[in-house]
Amino acid sequence: MTTKSLPDLKSITAIFGSVQDILINKVVKTLLETPLLSSLFVTDFAILLFLRPPVLFSLIMLGGLVGLAMYFGQKLALFK
């Protein structure tokens, strides 16, 4: 009876490391291609996180943040 040997840990981490590098490079490249939308996304997130704007304004900003997140998700399509 033959048993299958498990792959060693170094090869697994090398595979995950290379996939992670590819994903990070793709995200950074996309964010640098659209600097205006990227800065809006970061600014909107920071304001909502740290400043606590009024309720109506925060709902509008949250809608904008969701819209930008959906745009970047569609543009990146990381898991095609």
Protein backbone atom coordinates (compact mmCIF):
# COMPACT_ATOMS: atom_id res chain seq x y z
CA MET A 1 0.00 0.00 0.00
CA THR A 2 1.46 3.33 -1.01
CA THR A 3 0.85 6.49 0.90
CA LYS A 4 0.92 9.95 -0.51
CA SER A 5 3.43 12.21 1.09
CA LEU A 6 2.40 15.67 2.12
CA PRO A 7 4.17 18.63 0.51
CA ASP A 8 6.77 20.23 2.70
CA LEU A 9 6.09 23.49 4.48
CA LYS A 10 8.62 25.49 2.45
CA SER A 11 6.87 24.79 -0.84
CA ILE A 12 3.48 25.68 0.63
CA THR A 13 4.74 28.99 2.02
CA ALA A 14 6.48 29.73 -1.28
CA ILE A 15 3.22 29.21 -3.17
CA PHE A 16 1.21 31.35 -0.74
CA GLY A 17 3.94 33.99 -0.69
CA SER A 18 3.97 34.31 -4.46
CA VAL A 19 0.16 34.51 -4.62
CA GLN A 20 0.17 37.15 -1.90
CA ASP A 21 2.80 39.18 -3.77
CA ILE A 22 0.74 39.01 -6.96
CA LEU A 23 -2.42 40.17 -5.16
CA ILE A 24 -0.65 43.02 -3.38
CA ASN A 25 1.03 44.17 -6.59
CA LYS A 26 -2.32 44.13 -8.41
CA VAL A 27 -4.03 46.17 -5.68
CA VAL A 28 -1.22 48.73 -5.47
CA LYS A 29 -1.09 49.05 -9.27
CA THR A 30 -4.84 49.67 -9.45
CA LEU A 31 -4.77 52.21 -6.63
CA LEU A 32 -1.93 54.09 -8.30
CA GLU A 33 -3.75 54.11 -11.65
CA THR A 34 -6.72 55.96 -10.11
CA PRO A 35 -5.24 58.44 -7.62
CA LEU A 36 -8.36 60.59 -7.27
CA LEU A 37 -10.65 57.68 -6.40
CA SER A 38 -8.01 56.16 -4.13
CA SER A 39 -7.59 59.37 -2.18
CA LEU A 40 -11.38 59.76 -1.92
CA PHE A 41 -11.65 56.21 -0.59
CA VAL A 42 -8.92 56.69 2.03
CA THR A 43 -10.19 60.12 3.09
CA ASP A 44 -13.80 58.94 3.32
CA PHE A 45 -12.78 55.92 5.40
CA ALA A 46 -10.61 58.03 7.72
CA ILE A 47 -13.34 60.65 8.28
CA LEU A 48 -15.94 57.99 9.05
CA LEU A 49 -13.55 56.15 11.35
CA PHE A 50 -12.09 59.02 13.35
CA LEU A 51 -14.27 62.15 13.15
CA ARG A 52 -17.85 60.87 13.67
CA PRO A 53 -19.73 63.23 11.30
CA PRO A 54 -23.47 63.95 11.70
CA VAL A 55 -25.82 61.06 10.96
CA LEU A 56 -27.15 62.19 7.58
CA PHE A 57 -23.71 63.16 6.32
CA SER A 58 -22.23 59.88 7.56
CA LEU A 59 -24.93 57.90 5.71
CA ILE A 60 -24.11 59.74 2.49
CA MET A 61 -20.39 59.14 3.05
CA LEU A 62 -21.02 55.48 3.83
CA GLY A 63 -22.94 55.14 0.56
CA GLY A 64 -19.99 56.71 -1.28
CA LEU A 65 -17.57 54.38 0.48
CA VAL A 66 -19.63 51.33 -0.50
CA GLY A 67 -19.82 52.58 -4.09
CA LEU A 68 -16.05 53.09 -4.26
CA ALA A 69 -15.45 49.67 -2.70
CA MET A 70 -17.70 48.05 -5.29
CA TYR A 71 -15.92 49.92 -8.08
CA PHE A 72 -12.49 48.81 -6.86
CA GLY A 73 -13.76 45.26 -6.38
CA GLN A 74 -15.01 45.18 -9.96
CA LYS A 75 -11.85 46.81 -11.30
CA LEU A 76 -9.53 44.44 -9.44
CA ALA A 77 -11.42 41.15 -9.94
CA LEU A 78 -8.81 39.39 -7.81
CA PHE A 79 -10.35 35.92 -7.84
CA LYS A 80 -11.24 35.43 -11.48
